[in-house]
PDB file of N, CA and C in Angstrom:
ATOM      1  N   MET A   1     -11.675   1.830  17.846  1.00  0.00           N
ATOM      2  CA  MET A   1     -10.719   0.715  17.772  1.00  0.00           C
ATOM      3  C   MET A   1      -9.296   1.224  17.973  1.00  0.00           C
ATOM      4  N   GLU A   2      -8.557   0.471  18.717  1.00  0.00           N
ATOM      5  CA  GLU A   2      -7.181   0.874  18.989  1.00  0.00           C
ATOM      6  C   GLU A   2      -6.266   0.476  17.836  1.00  0.00           C
ATOM      7  N   LYS A   3      -5.354   1.376  17.510  1.00  0.00           N
ATOM      8  CA  LYS A   3      -4.429   1.094  16.411  1.00  0.00           C
ATOM      9  C   LYS A   3      -3.230   0.301  16.915  1.00  0.00           C
ATOM     10  N   VAL A   4      -2.850  -0.704  16.148  1.00  0.00           N
ATOM     11  CA  VAL A   4      -1.638  -1.458  16.465  1.00  0.00           C
ATOM     12  C   VAL A   4      -0.502  -1.026  15.540  1.00  0.00           C
ATOM     13  N   ARG A   5      -0.848  -0.308  14.468  1.00  0.00           N
ATOM     14  CA  ARG A   5       0.146   0.205  13.519  1.00  0.00           C
ATOM     15  C   ARG A   5      -0.241   1.603  13.085  1.00  0.00           C
ATOM     16  N   GLN A   6       0.733   2.342  12.613  1.00  0.00           N
ATOM     17  CA  GLN A   6       0.472   3.650  12.033  1.00  0.00           C
ATOM     18  C   GLN A   6       0.705   3.547  10.531  1.00  0.00           C
ATOM     19  N   VAL A   7      -0.214   4.102   9.748  1.00  0.00           N
ATOM     20  CA  VAL A   7      -0.085   4.091   8.294  1.00  0.00           C
ATOM     21  C   VAL A   7       0.085   5.529   7.814  1.00  0.00           C
ATOM     22  N   ILE A   8       1.157   5.780   7.079  1.00  0.00           N
ATOM     23  CA  ILE A   8       1.378   7.110   6.499  1.00  0.00           C
ATOM     24  C   ILE A   8       1.732   6.949   5.019  1.00  0.00           C
ATOM     25  N   ALA A   9       1.546   8.013   4.270  1.00  0.00           N
ATOM     26  CA  ALA A   9       1.888   7.984   2.842  1.00  0.00           C
ATOM     27  C   ALA A   9       3.214   8.690   2.633  1.00  0.00           C
ATOM     28  N   PHE A  10       4.050   8.144   1.757  1.00  0.00           N
ATOM     29  CA  PHE A  10       5.329   8.764   1.395  1.00  0.00           C
ATOM     30  C   PHE A  10       5.103   9.587   0.133  1.00  0.00           C
ATOM     31  N   GLN A  11       5.497  10.856   0.196  1.00  0.00           N
ATOM     32  CA  GLN A  11       5.280  11.802  -0.901  1.00  0.00           C
ATOM     33  C   GLN A  11       3.792  11.866  -1.234  1.00  0.00           C
ATOM     34  N   ASN A  12       3.427  12.066  -2.490  1.00  0.00           N
ATOM     35  CA  ASN A  12       2.010  12.284  -2.809  1.00  0.00           C
ATOM     36  C   ASN A  12       1.428  11.230  -3.746  1.00  0.00           C
ATOM     37  N   HIS A  13       2.157  10.136  -3.972  1.00  0.00           N
ATOM     38  CA  HIS A  13       1.718   9.140  -4.955  1.00  0.00           C
ATOM     39  C   HIS A  13       0.403   8.467  -4.553  1.00  0.00           C
ATOM     40  N   PHE A  14       0.311   8.077  -3.295  1.00  0.00           N
ATOM     41  CA  PHE A  14      -0.910   7.413  -2.826  1.00  0.00           C
ATOM     42  C   PHE A  14      -2.099   8.366  -2.902  1.00  0.00           C
ATOM     43  N   GLU A  15      -1.894   9.601  -2.434  1.00  0.00           N
ATOM     44  CA  GLU A  15      -2.968  10.590  -2.436  1.00  0.00           C
ATOM     45  C   GLU A  15      -3.460  10.874  -3.861  1.00  0.00           C
ATOM     46  N   ASP A  16      -2.526  11.015  -4.787  1.00  0.00           N
ATOM     47  CA  ASP A  16      -2.888  11.265  -6.193  1.00  0.00           C
ATOM     48  C   ASP A  16      -3.730  10.113  -6.734  1.00  0.00           C
ATOM     49  N   PHE A  17      -3.316   8.898  -6.428  1.00  0.00           N
ATOM     50  CA  PHE A  17      -4.044   7.699  -6.851  1.00  0.00           C
ATOM     51  C   PHE A  17      -5.449   7.694  -6.231  1.00  0.00           C
ATOM     52  N   LEU A  18      -5.507   7.984  -4.939  1.00  0.00           N
ATOM     53  CA  LEU A  18      -6.775   7.958  -4.203  1.00  0.00           C
ATOM     54  C   LEU A  18      -7.775   8.962  -4.788  1.00  0.00           C
ATOM     55  N   LYS A  19      -7.302  10.171  -5.068  1.00  0.00           N
ATOM     56  CA  LYS A  19      -8.170  11.240  -5.595  1.00  0.00           C
ATOM     57  C   LYS A  19      -8.785  10.874  -6.940  1.00  0.00           C
ATOM     58  N   MET A  20      -8.131  10.012  -7.707  1.00  0.00           N
ATOM     59  CA  MET A  20      -8.625   9.629  -9.028  1.00  0.00           C
ATOM     60  C   MET A  20      -9.709   8.548  -8.955  1.00  0.00           C
ATOM     61  N   GLN A  21      -9.914   7.974  -7.771  1.00  0.00           N
ATOM     62  CA  GLN A  21     -10.867   6.861  -7.635  1.00  0.00           C
ATOM     63  C   GLN A  21     -12.258   7.375  -7.273  1.00  0.00           C
ATOM     64  N   PRO A  22     -13.305   6.649  -7.699  1.00  0.00           N
ATOM     65  CA  PRO A  22     -14.668   7.015  -7.277  1.00  0.00           C
ATOM     66  C   PRO A  22     -14.797   6.890  -5.753  1.00  0.00           C
ATOM     67  N   VAL A  23     -15.765   7.613  -5.185  1.00  0.00           N
ATOM     68  CA  VAL A  23     -15.950   7.648  -3.731  1.00  0.00           C
ATOM     69  C   VAL A  23     -16.100   6.248  -3.137  1.00  0.00           C
ATOM     70  N   LYS A  24     -16.852   5.369  -3.805  1.00  0.00           N
ATOM     71  CA  LYS A  24     -17.039   4.001  -3.294  1.00  0.00           C
ATOM     72  C   LYS A  24     -15.702   3.283  -3.146  1.00  0.00           C
ATOM     73  N   VAL A  25     -14.827   3.496  -4.110  1.00  0.00           N
ATOM     74  CA  VAL A  25     -13.503   2.860  -4.076  1.00  0.00           C
ATOM     75  C   VAL A  25     -12.657   3.486  -2.969  1.00  0.00           C
ATOM     76  N   GLN A  26     -12.714   4.809  -2.845  1.00  0.00           N
ATOM     77  CA  GLN A  26     -11.982   5.487  -1.766  1.00  0.00           C
ATOM     78  C   GLN A  26     -12.415   4.935  -0.407  1.00  0.00           C
ATOM     79  N   ASP A  27     -13.728   4.770  -0.219  1.00  0.00           N
ATOM     80  CA  ASP A  27     -14.251   4.234   1.050  1.00  0.00           C
ATOM     81  C   ASP A  27     -13.692   2.844   1.323  1.00  0.00           C
ATOM     82  N   LYS A  28     -13.650   2.022   0.285  1.00  0.00           N
ATOM     83  CA  LYS A  28     -13.146   0.654   0.434  1.00  0.00           C
ATOM     84  C   LYS A  28     -11.648   0.675   0.765  1.00  0.00           C
ATOM     85  N   ILE A  29     -10.905   1.564   0.119  1.00  0.00           N
ATOM     86  CA  ILE A  29      -9.468   1.697   0.400  1.00  0.00           C
ATOM     87  C   ILE A  29      -9.259   2.100   1.865  1.00  0.00           C
ATOM     88  N   TYR A  30     -10.069   3.059   2.344  1.00  0.00           N
ATOM     89  CA  TYR A  30      -9.963   3.474   3.747  1.00  0.00           C
ATOM     90  C   TYR A  30     -10.276   2.309   4.701  1.00  0.00           C
ATOM     91  N   LYS A  31     -11.249   1.480   4.336  1.00  0.00           N
ATOM     92  CA  LYS A  31     -11.590   0.322   5.179  1.00  0.00           C
ATOM     93  C   LYS A  31     -10.426  -0.659   5.269  1.00  0.00           C
ATOM     94  N   VAL A  32      -9.762  -0.888   4.143  1.00  0.00           N
ATOM     95  CA  VAL A  32      -8.616  -1.801   4.131  1.00  0.00           C
ATOM     96  C   VAL A  32      -7.470  -1.214   4.962  1.00  0.00           C
ATOM     97  N   ILE A  33      -7.226   0.085   4.815  1.00  0.00           N
ATOM     98  CA  ILE A  33      -6.171   0.737   5.609  1.00  0.00           C
ATOM     99  C   ILE A  33      -6.506   0.659   7.098  1.00  0.00           C
ATOM    100  N   GLU A  34      -7.778   0.859   7.432  1.00  0.00           N
ATOM    101  CA  GLU A  34      -8.196   0.754   8.833  1.00  0.00           C
ATOM    102  C   GLU A  34      -7.946  -0.653   9.376  1.00  0.00           C
ATOM    103  N   ALA A  35      -8.238  -1.660   8.562  1.00  0.00           N
ATOM    104  CA  ALA A  35      -7.982  -3.049   8.973  1.00  0.00           C
ATOM    105  C   ALA A  35      -6.486  -3.256   9.217  1.00  0.00           C
ATOM    106  N   ILE A  36      -5.651  -2.713   8.334  1.00  0.00           N
ATOM    107  CA  ILE A  36      -4.200  -2.837   8.480  1.00  0.00           C
ATOM    108  C   ILE A  36      -3.732  -2.145   9.764  1.00  0.00           C
ATOM    109  N   GLU A  37      -4.359  -1.015  10.096  1.00  0.00           N
ATOM    110  CA  GLU A  37      -3.986  -0.269  11.306  1.00  0.00           C
ATOM    111  C   GLU A  37      -4.429  -0.948  12.592  1.00  0.00           C
ATOM    112  N   THR A  38      -5.578  -1.618  12.547  1.00  0.00           N
ATOM    113  CA  THR A  38      -6.181  -2.067  13.807  1.00  0.00           C
ATOM    114  C   THR A  38      -6.103  -3.564  14.077  1.00  0.00           C
ATOM    115  N   LEU A  39      -5.982  -4.384  13.038  1.00  0.00           N
ATOM    116  CA  LEU A  39      -5.954  -5.830  13.262  1.00  0.00           C
ATOM    117  C   LEU A  39      -4.553  -6.308  13.612  1.00  0.00           C
ATOM    118  N   GLU A  40      -4.461  -7.092  14.684  1.00  0.00           N
ATOM    119  CA  GLU A  40      -3.160  -7.640  15.097  1.00  0.00           C
ATOM    120  C   GLU A  40      -2.581  -8.511  13.984  1.00  0.00           C
ATOM    121  N   ARG A  41      -3.419  -9.357  13.419  1.00  0.00           N
ATOM    122  CA  ARG A  41      -3.018 -10.213  12.287  1.00  0.00           C
ATOM    123  C   ARG A  41      -3.849  -9.822  11.074  1.00  0.00           C
ATOM    124  N   VAL A  42      -3.216  -9.161  10.127  1.00  0.00           N
ATOM    125  CA  VAL A  42      -3.930  -8.694   8.938  1.00  0.00           C
ATOM    126  C   VAL A  42      -4.081  -9.865   7.962  1.00  0.00           C
ATOM    127  N   PRO A  43      -5.323 -10.173   7.542  1.00  0.00           N
ATOM    128  CA  PRO A  43      -5.516 -11.287   6.607  1.00  0.00           C
ATOM    129  C   PRO A  43      -4.799 -11.034   5.276  1.00  0.00           C
ATOM    130  N   VAL A  44      -4.349 -12.105   4.649  1.00  0.00           N
ATOM    131  CA  VAL A  44      -3.584 -12.003   3.413  1.00  0.00           C
ATOM    132  C   VAL A  44      -4.428 -11.417   2.272  1.00  0.00           C
ATOM    133  N   ASN A  45      -5.746 -11.489   2.381  1.00  0.00           N
ATOM    134  CA  ASN A  45      -6.557 -10.874   1.325  1.00  0.00           C
ATOM    135  C   ASN A  45      -6.579  -9.347   1.434  1.00  0.00           C
ATOM    136  N   TYR A  46      -6.025  -8.787   2.520  1.00  0.00           N
ATOM    137  CA  TYR A  46      -5.870  -7.337   2.670  1.00  0.00           C
ATOM    138  C   TYR A  46      -4.428  -6.880   2.467  1.00  0.00           C
ATOM    139  N   LEU A  47      -3.481  -7.699   2.887  1.00  0.00           N
ATOM    140  CA  LEU A  47      -2.076  -7.288   2.842  1.00  0.00           C
ATOM    141  C   LEU A  47      -1.224  -8.510   2.541  1.00  0.00           C
ATOM    142  N   LYS A  48      -0.474  -8.431   1.447  1.00  0.00           N
ATOM    143  CA  LYS A  48       0.304  -9.593   1.025  1.00  0.00           C
ATOM    144  C   LYS A  48       1.727  -9.176   0.681  1.00  0.00           C
ATOM    145  N   ALA A  49       2.683  -9.965   1.134  1.00  0.00           N
ATOM    146  CA  ALA A  49       4.094  -9.705   0.804  1.00  0.00           C
ATOM    147  C   ALA A  49       4.321  -9.982  -0.681  1.00  0.00           C
ATOM    148  N   MET A  50       5.116  -9.145  -1.302  1.00  0.00           N
ATOM    149  CA  MET A  50       5.452  -9.328  -2.717  1.00  0.00           C
ATOM    150  C   MET A  50       6.704 -10.190  -2.802  1.00  0.00           C
ATOM    151  N   ALA A  51       6.568 -11.357  -3.389  1.00  0.00           N
ATOM    152  CA  ALA A  51       7.705 -12.275  -3.512  1.00  0.00           C
ATOM    153  C   ALA A  51       8.809 -11.638  -4.349  1.00  0.00           C
ATOM    154  N   GLY A  52      10.049 -11.890  -3.949  1.00  0.00           N
ATOM    155  CA  GLY A  52      11.191 -11.415  -4.720  1.00  0.00           C
ATOM    156  C   GLY A  52      11.530  -9.947  -4.503  1.00  0.00           C
ATOM    157  N   THR A  53      10.895  -9.299  -3.509  1.00  0.00           N
ATOM    158  CA  THR A  53      11.239  -7.908  -3.193  1.00  0.00           C
ATOM    159  C   THR A  53      11.754  -7.877  -1.761  1.00  0.00           C
ATOM    160  N   LYS A  54      12.477  -6.839  -1.426  1.00  0.00           N
ATOM    161  CA  LYS A  54      13.013  -6.735  -0.063  1.00  0.00           C
ATOM    162  C   LYS A  54      12.018  -6.005   0.835  1.00  0.00           C
ATOM    163  N   GLY A  55      10.951  -6.701   1.209  1.00  0.00           N
ATOM    164  CA  GLY A  55      10.015  -6.129   2.179  1.00  0.00           C
ATOM    165  C   GLY A  55       8.861  -5.335   1.608  1.00  0.00           C
ATOM    166  N   LEU A  56       8.629  -5.441   0.309  1.00  0.00           N
ATOM    167  CA  LEU A  56       7.503  -4.725  -0.287  1.00  0.00           C
ATOM    168  C   LEU A  56       6.226  -5.552  -0.122  1.00  0.00           C
ATOM    169  N   TYR A  57       5.128  -4.868   0.212  1.00  0.00           N
ATOM    170  CA  TYR A  57       3.824  -5.501   0.358  1.00  0.00           C
ATOM    171  C   TYR A  57       2.840  -4.818  -0.577  1.00  0.00           C
ATOM    172  N   GLU A  58       1.698  -5.489  -0.786  1.00  0.00           N
ATOM    173  CA  GLU A  58       0.619  -4.809  -1.483  1.00  0.00           C
ATOM    174  C   GLU A  58      -0.638  -4.885  -0.632  1.00  0.00           C
ATOM    175  N   ALA A  59      -1.260  -3.721  -0.432  1.00  0.00           N
ATOM    176  CA  ALA A  59      -2.578  -3.674   0.193  1.00  0.00           C
ATOM    177  C   ALA A  59      -3.549  -3.999  -0.929  1.00  0.00           C
ATOM    178  N   ARG A  60      -4.501  -4.886  -0.645  1.00  0.00           N
ATOM    179  CA  ARG A  60      -5.376  -5.402  -1.698  1.00  0.00           C
ATOM    180  C   ARG A  60      -6.805  -4.922  -1.477  1.00  0.00           C
ATOM    181  N   ILE A  61      -7.329  -4.264  -2.501  1.00  0.00           N
ATOM    182  CA  ILE A  61      -8.673  -3.716  -2.422  1.00  0.00           C
ATOM    183  C   ILE A  61      -9.510  -4.344  -3.531  1.00  0.00           C
ATOM    184  N   LYS A  62     -10.683  -4.849  -3.147  1.00  0.00           N
ATOM    185  CA  LYS A  62     -11.566  -5.475  -4.143  1.00  0.00           C
ATOM    186  C   LYS A  62     -12.973  -4.928  -3.933  1.00  0.00           C
ATOM    187  N   LEU A  63     -13.589  -4.512  -5.017  1.00  0.00           N
ATOM    188  CA  LEU A  63     -14.954  -4.016  -4.965  1.00  0.00           C
ATOM    189  C   LEU A  63     -15.672  -4.599  -6.164  1.00  0.00           C
ATOM    190  N   GLY A  64     -16.615  -5.483  -5.925  1.00  0.00           N
ATOM    191  CA  GLY A  64     -17.251  -6.202  -7.026  1.00  0.00           C
ATOM    192  C   GLY A  64     -16.192  -7.048  -7.714  1.00  0.00           C
ATOM    193  N   SER A  65     -16.089  -6.895  -9.020  1.00  0.00           N
ATOM    194  CA  SER A  65     -15.061  -7.668  -9.743  1.00  0.00           C
ATOM    195  C   SER A  65     -13.815  -6.827 -10.010  1.00  0.00           C
ATOM    196  N   ASP A  66     -13.793  -5.583  -9.514  1.00  0.00           N
ATOM    197  CA  ASP A  66     -12.645  -4.696  -9.733  1.00  0.00           C
ATOM    198  C   ASP A  66     -11.631  -4.829  -8.602  1.00  0.00           C
ATOM    199  N   ILE A  67     -10.365  -4.677  -8.969  1.00  0.00           N
ATOM    200  CA  ILE A  67      -9.275  -4.863  -8.006  1.00  0.00           C
ATOM    201  C   ILE A  67      -8.303  -3.690  -8.089  1.00  0.00           C
ATOM    202  N   TRP A  68      -7.878  -3.227  -6.929  1.00  0.00           N
ATOM    203  CA  TRP A  68      -6.853  -2.185  -6.840  1.00  0.00           C
ATOM    204  C   TRP A  68      -5.758  -2.675  -5.920  1.00  0.00           C
ATOM    205  N   ARG A  69      -4.564  -2.140  -6.121  1.00  0.00           N
ATOM    206  CA  ARG A  69      -3.433  -2.471  -5.261  1.00  0.00           C
ATOM    207  C   ARG A  69      -2.736  -1.184  -4.839  1.00  0.00           C
ATOM    208  N   VAL A  70      -2.255  -1.180  -3.599  1.00  0.00           N
ATOM    209  CA  VAL A  70      -1.428  -0.073  -3.111  1.00  0.00           C
ATOM    210  C   VAL A  70      -0.176  -0.697  -2.527  1.00  0.00           C
ATOM    211  N   PHE A  71       0.979  -0.340  -3.082  1.00  0.00           N
ATOM    212  CA  PHE A  71       2.237  -0.857  -2.548  1.00  0.00           C
ATOM    213  C   PHE A  71       2.560  -0.153  -1.239  1.00  0.00           C
ATOM    214  N   CYS A  72       3.173  -0.901  -0.335  1.00  0.00           N
ATOM    215  CA  CYS A  72       3.542  -0.339   0.956  1.00  0.00           C
ATOM    216  C   CYS A  72       4.652  -1.205   1.564  1.00  0.00           C
ATOM    217  N   PHE A  73       5.220  -0.731   2.669  1.00  0.00           N
ATOM    218  CA  PHE A  73       6.216  -1.517   3.387  1.00  0.00           C
ATOM    219  C   PHE A  73       6.230  -1.105   4.851  1.00  0.00           C
ATOM    220  N   PHE A  74       6.810  -1.961   5.656  1.00  0.00           N
ATOM    221  CA  PHE A  74       6.913  -1.697   7.096  1.00  0.00           C
ATOM    222  C   PHE A  74       8.224  -0.990   7.393  1.00  0.00           C
ATOM    223  N   ASP A  75       8.163  -0.002   8.271  1.00  0.00           N
ATOM    224  CA  ASP A  75       9.374   0.649   8.763  1.00  0.00           C
ATOM    225  C   ASP A  75       9.326   0.541  10.284  1.00  0.00           C
ATOM    226  N   GLN A  76      10.348  -0.019  10.870  1.00  0.00           N
ATOM    227  CA  GLN A  76      10.427  -0.199  12.326  1.00  0.00           C
ATOM    228  C   GLN A  76       9.230  -0.967  12.881  1.00  0.00           C
ATOM    229  N   GLY A  77       8.745  -1.924  12.114  1.00  0.00           N
ATOM    230  CA  GLY A  77       7.729  -2.836  12.614  1.00  0.00           C
ATOM    231  C   GLY A  77       6.294  -2.334  12.660  1.00  0.00           C
ATOM    232  N   LYS A  78       6.064  -1.165  13.236  1.00  0.00           N
ATOM    233  CA  LYS A  78       4.691  -0.714  13.460  1.00  0.00           C
ATOM    234  C   LYS A  78       4.284   0.467  12.572  1.00  0.00           C
ATOM    235  N   LEU A  79       5.164   0.872  11.680  1.00  0.00           N
ATOM    236  CA  LEU A  79       4.858   1.989  10.795  1.00  0.00           C
ATOM    237  C   LEU A  79       4.763   1.444   9.379  1.00  0.00           C
ATOM    238  N   ILE A  80       3.655   1.731   8.722  1.00  0.00           N
ATOM    239  CA  ILE A  80       3.491   1.275   7.347  1.00  0.00           C
ATOM    240  C   ILE A  80       3.521   2.490   6.429  1.00  0.00           C
ATOM    241  N   ILE A  81       4.349   2.406   5.417  1.00  0.00           N
ATOM    242  CA  ILE A  81       4.520   3.504   4.473  1.00  0.00           C
ATOM    243  C   ILE A  81       3.789   3.150   3.177  1.00  0.00           C
ATOM    244  N   LEU A  82       2.798   3.965   2.809  1.00  0.00           N
ATOM    245  CA  LEU A  82       2.066   3.749   1.563  1.00  0.00           C
ATOM    246  C   LEU A  82       2.818   4.393   0.407  1.00  0.00           C
ATOM    247  N   LEU A  83       2.880   3.684  -0.709  1.00  0.00           N
ATOM    248  CA  LEU A  83       3.571   4.193  -1.891  1.00  0.00           C
ATOM    249  C   LEU A  83       2.546   4.450  -2.994  1.00  0.00           C
ATOM    250  N   ASN A  84       2.757   3.907  -4.167  1.00  0.00           N
ATOM    251  CA  ASN A  84       1.862   4.115  -5.297  1.00  0.00           C
ATOM    252  C   ASN A  84       0.744   3.078  -5.337  1.00  0.00           C
ATOM    253  N   GLY A  85      -0.335   3.442  -5.998  1.00  0.00           N
ATOM    254  CA  GLY A  85      -1.459   2.531  -6.169  1.00  0.00           C
ATOM    255  C   GLY A  85      -1.847   2.440  -7.628  1.00  0.00           C
ATOM    256  N   PHE A  86      -2.597   1.401  -7.975  1.00  0.00           N
ATOM    257  CA  PHE A  86      -3.046   1.232  -9.357  1.00  0.00           C
ATOM    258  C   PHE A  86      -4.250   0.306  -9.404  1.00  0.00           C
ATOM    259  N   ALA A  87      -5.015   0.418 -10.484  1.00  0.00           N
ATOM    260  CA  ALA A  87      -6.117  -0.516 -10.728  1.00  0.00           C
ATOM    261  C   ALA A  87      -5.521  -1.730 -11.411  1.00  0.00           C
ATOM    262  N   LYS A  88      -5.892  -2.896 -10.915  1.00  0.00           N
ATOM    263  CA  LYS A  88      -5.314  -4.126 -11.462  1.00  0.00           C
ATOM    264  C   LYS A  88      -6.212  -4.651 -12.582  1.00  0.00           C
ATOM    265  N   LYS A  89      -5.644  -4.728 -13.773  1.00  0.00           N
ATOM    266  CA  LYS A  89      -6.431  -5.108 -14.952  1.00  0.00           C
ATOM    267  C   LYS A  89      -6.125  -6.528 -15.428  1.00  0.00           C
ATOM    268  N   SER A  90      -5.038  -7.105 -14.936  1.00  0.00           N
ATOM    269  CA  SER A  90      -4.675  -8.454 -15.375  1.00  0.00           C
ATOM    270  C   SER A  90      -4.101  -9.230 -14.199  1.00  0.00           C
ATOM    271  N   GLN A  91      -3.783 -10.494 -14.411  1.00  0.00           N
ATOM    272  CA  GLN A  91      -3.235 -11.340 -13.348  1.00  0.00           C
ATOM    273  C   GLN A  91      -1.895 -10.819 -12.852  1.00  0.00           C
ATOM    274  N   LYS A  92      -1.075 -10.358 -13.790  1.00  0.00           N
ATOM    275  CA  LYS A  92       0.269  -9.925 -13.409  1.00  0.00           C
ATOM    276  C   LYS A  92       0.283  -8.467 -12.959  1.00  0.00           C
ATOM    277  N   THR A  93       1.089  -8.198 -11.950  1.00  0.00           N
ATOM    278  CA  THR A  93       1.291  -6.830 -11.497  1.00  0.00           C
ATOM    279  C   THR A  93       2.108  -6.095 -12.558  1.00  0.00           C
ATOM    280  N   PRO A  94       1.662  -4.905 -12.981  1.00  0.00           N
ATOM    281  CA  PRO A  94       2.434  -4.169 -13.993  1.00  0.00           C
ATOM    282  C   PRO A  94       3.855  -3.884 -13.510  1.00  0.00           C
ATOM    283  N   LYS A  95       4.820  -4.226 -14.353  1.00  0.00           N
ATOM    284  CA  LYS A  95       6.232  -4.091 -13.997  1.00  0.00           C
ATOM    285  C   LYS A  95       6.578  -2.645 -13.626  1.00  0.00           C
ATOM    286  N   LYS A  96       6.043  -1.681 -14.393  1.00  0.00           N
ATOM    287  CA  LYS A  96       6.400  -0.288 -14.121  1.00  0.00           C
ATOM    288  C   LYS A  96       5.900   0.164 -12.746  1.00  0.00           C
ATOM    289  N   GLU A  97       4.761  -0.356 -12.294  1.00  0.00           N
ATOM    290  CA  GLU A  97       4.250  -0.008 -10.967  1.00  0.00           C
ATOM    291  C   GLU A  97       5.131  -0.613  -9.870  1.00  0.00           C
ATOM    292  N   LEU A  98       5.574  -1.839 -10.106  1.00  0.00           N
ATOM    293  CA  LEU A  98       6.449  -2.521  -9.153  1.00  0.00           C
ATOM    294  C   LEU A  98       7.791  -1.797  -9.052  1.00  0.00           C
ATOM    295  N   VAL A  99       8.361  -1.447 -10.198  1.00  0.00           N
ATOM    296  CA  VAL A  99       9.645  -0.727 -10.232  1.00  0.00           C
ATOM    297  C   VAL A  99       9.506   0.627  -9.531  1.00  0.00           C
ATOM    298  N   LYS A 100       8.398   1.310  -9.794  1.00  0.00           N
ATOM    299  CA  LYS A 100       8.145   2.610  -9.158  1.00  0.00           C
ATOM    300  C   LYS A 100       8.116   2.454  -7.635  1.00  0.00           C
ATOM    301  N   ALA A 101       7.414   1.423  -7.153  1.00  0.00           N
ATOM    302  CA  ALA A 101       7.305   1.183  -5.705  1.00  0.00           C
ATOM    303  C   ALA A 101       8.674   0.901  -5.088  1.00  0.00           C
ATOM    304  N   ILE A 102       9.472   0.086  -5.759  1.00  0.00           N
ATOM    305  CA  ILE A 102      10.809  -0.251  -5.244  1.00  0.00           C
ATOM    306  C   ILE A 102      11.681   1.010  -5.206  1.00  0.00           C
ATOM    307  N   ASN A 103      11.602   1.825  -6.254  1.00  0.00           N
ATOM    308  CA  ASN A 103      12.366   3.075  -6.287  1.00  0.00           C
ATOM    309  C   ASN A 103      11.929   4.029  -5.181  1.00  0.00           C
ATOM    310  N   LEU A 104      10.616   4.105  -4.938  1.00  0.00           N
ATOM    311  CA  LEU A 104      10.105   4.970  -3.865  1.00  0.00           C
ATOM    312  C   LEU A 104      10.561   4.478  -2.497  1.00  0.00           C
ATOM    313  N   MET A 105      10.560   3.167  -2.309  1.00  0.00           N
ATOM    314  CA  MET A 105      11.006   2.598  -1.036  1.00  0.00           C
ATOM    315  C   MET A 105      12.488   2.932  -0.819  1.00  0.00           C
ATOM    316  N   ASP A 106      13.298   2.770  -1.864  1.00  0.00           N
ATOM    317  CA  ASP A 106      14.727   3.113  -1.771  1.00  0.00           C
ATOM    318  C   ASP A 106      14.913   4.595  -1.446  1.00  0.00           C
ATOM    319  N   LEU A 107      14.119   5.446  -2.097  1.00  0.00           N
ATOM    320  CA  LEU A 107      14.194   6.885  -1.875  1.00  0.00           C
ATOM    321  C   LEU A 107      13.825   7.225  -0.432  1.00  0.00           C
ATOM    322  N   TYR A 108      12.791   6.583   0.080  1.00  0.00           N
ATOM    323  CA  TYR A 108      12.356   6.796   1.469  1.00  0.00           C
ATOM    324  C   TYR A 108      13.513   6.532   2.430  1.00  0.00           C
ATOM    325  N   TYR A 109      14.166   5.373   2.248  1.00  0.00           N
ATOM    326  CA  TYR A 109      15.265   5.015   3.150  1.00  0.00           C
ATOM    327  C   TYR A 109      16.467   5.930   2.975  1.00  0.00           C
ATOM    328  N   SER A 110      16.775   6.345   1.746  1.00  0.00           N
ATOM    329  CA  SER A 110      17.934   7.217   1.564  1.00  0.00           C
ATOM    330  C   SER A 110      17.657   8.595   2.186  1.00  0.00           C
ATOM    331  N   GLU A 111      16.416   9.081   2.083  1.00  0.00           N
ATOM    332  CA  GLU A 111      16.055  10.368   2.726  1.00  0.00           C
ATOM    333  C   GLU A 111      16.078  10.219   4.241  1.00  0.00           C
ATOM    334  N   LYS A 112      15.596   9.104   4.740  1.00  0.00           N
ATOM    335  CA  LYS A 112      15.552   8.868   6.183  1.00  0.00           C
ATOM    336  C   LYS A 112      16.970   8.795   6.749  1.00  0.00           C
ATOM    337  N   ASN A 113      17.871   8.156   6.017  1.00  0.00           N
ATOM    338  CA  ASN A 113      19.244   7.997   6.495  1.00  0.00           C
ATOM    339  C   ASN A 113      20.029   9.309   6.487  1.00  0.00           C
ATOM    340  N   LYS A 114      19.553  10.297   5.725  1.00  0.00           N
ATOM    341  CA  LYS A 114      20.220  11.610   5.687  1.00  0.00           C
ATOM    342  C   LYS A 114      19.906  12.440   6.926  1.00  0.00           C
ATOM    343  N   ARG A 115      18.741  12.138   7.554  1.00  0.00           N
ATOM    344  CA  ARG A 115      18.298  12.935   8.714  1.00  0.00           C
ATOM    345  C   ARG A 115      19.190  12.765   9.908  1.00  0.00           C
TER     346      ARG A 115
END
């Protein structure tokens, strides 16, 4: 399948999160990332904009009744930057995870602007 977007991870937060997950969950996360890379129009059940943030999205992973989220954002349209991930235990997104993602996104841009 041809890629319409490139997905990369910023720092090691996504990788650390991924390594802590069981293999079945890792496989499902890879499938969702592949969908984000290859589908022209990514369904909202895979990738959803976070309201009230400046361009933050969440990749949505569901396996059985369990749910995981990986924060990410678009850079220059076709590049997706993966940030932190977490297992979702309640309806609301944990504030500390959201704050962490926003801080990482800000850090990404400040490092990029220094280059």
